[in-house]
Amino acid sequence: MAETTATVEEEQSISATVSQTSTTTSSTDLANPAVLESLSDVADVDTVDKINGSVLVYKTLTNKWTATTTLDAQNMEGGEF
């Protein structure tokens, strides 16, 4: 079996080439992954009303996770003591 060599070079996009001796068998260009600086950069997260102590609650009306301090649609089970 011939030795397989893989080379990955980093530029604006990641290019990967796998070759055996001098014949290239596969080559592909991969886009760089998105960089998220904060949770508000996620498309389906609404953090407009965030304050200290907020939690994310999914709202079907907007199809988004929304920052809130009020849990008004949850069923809580505290168990028996």
C-alpha atoms as a PDB file:
ATOM      1  CA  MET A   1       0.000   0.000   0.000  1.00  0.00           C
ATOM      2  CA  ALA A   2       1.342   3.412  -0.954  1.00  0.00           C
ATOM      3  CA  GLU A   3       1.912   6.094   1.671  1.00  0.00           C
ATOM      4  CA  THR A   4      -0.893   8.679   1.886  1.00  0.00           C
ATOM      5  CA  THR A   5      -0.063  12.325   2.586  1.00  0.00           C
ATOM      6  CA  ALA A   6      -2.633  14.959   3.579  1.00  0.00           C
ATOM      7  CA  THR A   7      -1.949  18.701   3.508  1.00  0.00           C
ATOM      8  CA  VAL A   8      -4.222  21.342   5.079  1.00  0.00           C
ATOM      9  CA  GLU A   9      -3.490  25.021   4.449  1.00  0.00           C
ATOM     10  CA  GLU A  10      -5.260  27.879   6.264  1.00  0.00           C
ATOM     11  CA  GLU A  11      -6.219  31.008   4.321  1.00  0.00           C
ATOM     12  CA  GLN A  12      -9.572  32.779   3.965  1.00  0.00           C
ATOM     13  CA  SER A  13     -11.066  29.341   3.377  1.00  0.00           C
ATOM     14  CA  ILE A  14      -9.616  25.992   4.410  1.00  0.00           C
ATOM     15  CA  SER A  15      -8.337  23.907   1.512  1.00  0.00           C
ATOM     16  CA  ALA A  16      -7.595  20.234   2.056  1.00  0.00           C
ATOM     17  CA  THR A  17      -5.831  17.978  -0.456  1.00  0.00           C
ATOM     18  CA  VAL A  18      -5.141  14.270  -0.055  1.00  0.00           C
ATOM     19  CA  SER A  19      -2.624  12.727  -2.408  1.00  0.00           C
ATOM     20  CA  GLN A  20      -0.815   9.446  -2.971  1.00  0.00           C
ATOM     21  CA  THR A  21       2.698   9.914  -4.361  1.00  0.00           C
ATOM     22  CA  SER A  22       2.059  12.483  -7.129  1.00  0.00           C
ATOM     23  CA  THR A  23      -1.625  11.750  -7.948  1.00  0.00           C
ATOM     24  CA  THR A  24      -4.302  13.832  -6.230  1.00  0.00           C
ATOM     25  CA  THR A  25      -7.268  11.659  -5.247  1.00  0.00           C
ATOM     26  CA  SER A  26      -9.456  14.231  -3.501  1.00  0.00           C
ATOM     27  CA  SER A  27      -9.603  18.000  -3.061  1.00  0.00           C
ATOM     28  CA  THR A  28     -12.217  20.214  -1.409  1.00  0.00           C
ATOM     29  CA  ASP A  29     -12.677  23.792  -0.217  1.00  0.00           C
ATOM     30  CA  LEU A  30     -14.328  24.222   3.185  1.00  0.00           C
ATOM     31  CA  ALA A  31     -15.660  27.550   4.434  1.00  0.00           C
ATOM     32  CA  ASN A  32     -14.418  28.814   7.775  1.00  0.00           C
ATOM     33  CA  PRO A  33     -16.931  28.219  10.597  1.00  0.00           C
ATOM     34  CA  ALA A  34     -18.922  31.208  11.813  1.00  0.00           C
ATOM     35  CA  VAL A  35     -17.514  32.980  14.855  1.00  0.00           C
ATOM     36  CA  LEU A  36     -20.028  33.844  17.579  1.00  0.00           C
ATOM     37  CA  GLU A  37     -19.015  36.623  19.917  1.00  0.00           C
ATOM     38  CA  SER A  38     -22.138  36.382  22.084  1.00  0.00           C
ATOM     39  CA  LEU A  39     -25.391  34.463  22.423  1.00  0.00           C
ATOM     40  CA  SER A  40     -27.264  37.333  20.741  1.00  0.00           C
ATOM     41  CA  ASP A  41     -25.409  36.455  17.494  1.00  0.00           C
ATOM     42  CA  VAL A  42     -27.423  33.217  17.232  1.00  0.00           C
ATOM     43  CA  ALA A  43     -30.299  33.655  14.752  1.00  0.00           C
ATOM     44  CA  ASP A  44     -33.129  32.220  16.881  1.00  0.00           C
ATOM     45  CA  VAL A  45     -32.157  33.845  20.191  1.00  0.00           C
ATOM     46  CA  ASP A  46     -33.694  37.166  21.267  1.00  0.00           C
ATOM     47  CA  THR A  47     -31.675  38.781  24.067  1.00  0.00           C
ATOM     48  CA  VAL A  48     -33.126  42.314  23.772  1.00  0.00           C
ATOM     49  CA  ASP A  49     -34.754  42.182  27.225  1.00  0.00           C
ATOM     50  CA  LYS A  50     -31.878  40.465  29.030  1.00  0.00           C
ATOM     51  CA  ILE A  51     -31.078  41.581  32.555  1.00  0.00           C
ATOM     52  CA  ASN A  52     -29.231  40.000  35.459  1.00  0.00           C
ATOM     53  CA  GLY A  53     -30.950  36.711  36.309  1.00  0.00           C
ATOM     54  CA  SER A  54     -32.578  36.176  32.885  1.00  0.00           C
ATOM     55  CA  VAL A  55     -33.157  32.690  31.466  1.00  0.00           C
ATOM     56  CA  LEU A  56     -33.910  31.674  27.879  1.00  0.00           C
ATOM     57  CA  VAL A  57     -37.481  30.466  27.289  1.00  0.00           C
ATOM     58  CA  TYR A  58     -38.666  29.172  23.904  1.00  0.00           C
ATOM     59  CA  LYS A  59     -41.695  31.043  22.556  1.00  0.00           C
ATOM     60  CA  THR A  60     -43.680  29.360  19.775  1.00  0.00           C
ATOM     61  CA  LEU A  61     -45.277  32.699  18.836  1.00  0.00           C
ATOM     62  CA  THR A  62     -41.901  34.035  17.603  1.00  0.00           C
ATOM     63  CA  ASN A  63     -40.099  30.689  17.122  1.00  0.00           C
ATOM     64  CA  LYS A  64     -37.223  32.079  19.167  1.00  0.00           C
ATOM     65  CA  TRP A  65     -35.520  31.598  22.504  1.00  0.00           C
ATOM     66  CA  THR A  66     -36.281  34.766  24.458  1.00  0.00           C
ATOM     67  CA  ALA A  67     -34.544  36.225  27.507  1.00  0.00           C
ATOM     68  CA  THR A  68     -36.959  36.639  30.415  1.00  0.00           C
ATOM     69  CA  THR A  69     -37.119  36.641  34.202  1.00  0.00           C
ATOM     70  CA  THR A  70     -40.768  35.524  34.254  1.00  0.00           C
ATOM     71  CA  LEU A  71     -41.733  31.863  33.924  1.00  0.00           C
ATOM     72  CA  ASP A  72     -45.409  32.183  33.055  1.00  0.00           C
ATOM     73  CA  ALA A  73     -46.115  29.156  30.826  1.00  0.00           C
ATOM     74  CA  GLN A  74     -44.220  26.388  32.637  1.00  0.00           C
ATOM     75  CA  ASN A  75     -45.620  23.474  34.606  1.00  0.00           C
ATOM     76  CA  MET A  76     -43.461  22.928  37.671  1.00  0.00           C
ATOM     77  CA  GLU A  77     -43.454  19.712  39.708  1.00  0.00           C
ATOM     78  CA  GLY A  78     -41.946  20.142  43.133  1.00  0.00           C
ATOM     79  CA  GLY A  79     -42.500  16.584  44.301  1.00  0.00           C
ATOM     80  CA  GLU A  80     -43.606  15.563  47.764  1.00  0.00           C
ATOM     81  CA  PHE A  81     -41.708  16.172  50.958  1.00  0.00           C
END
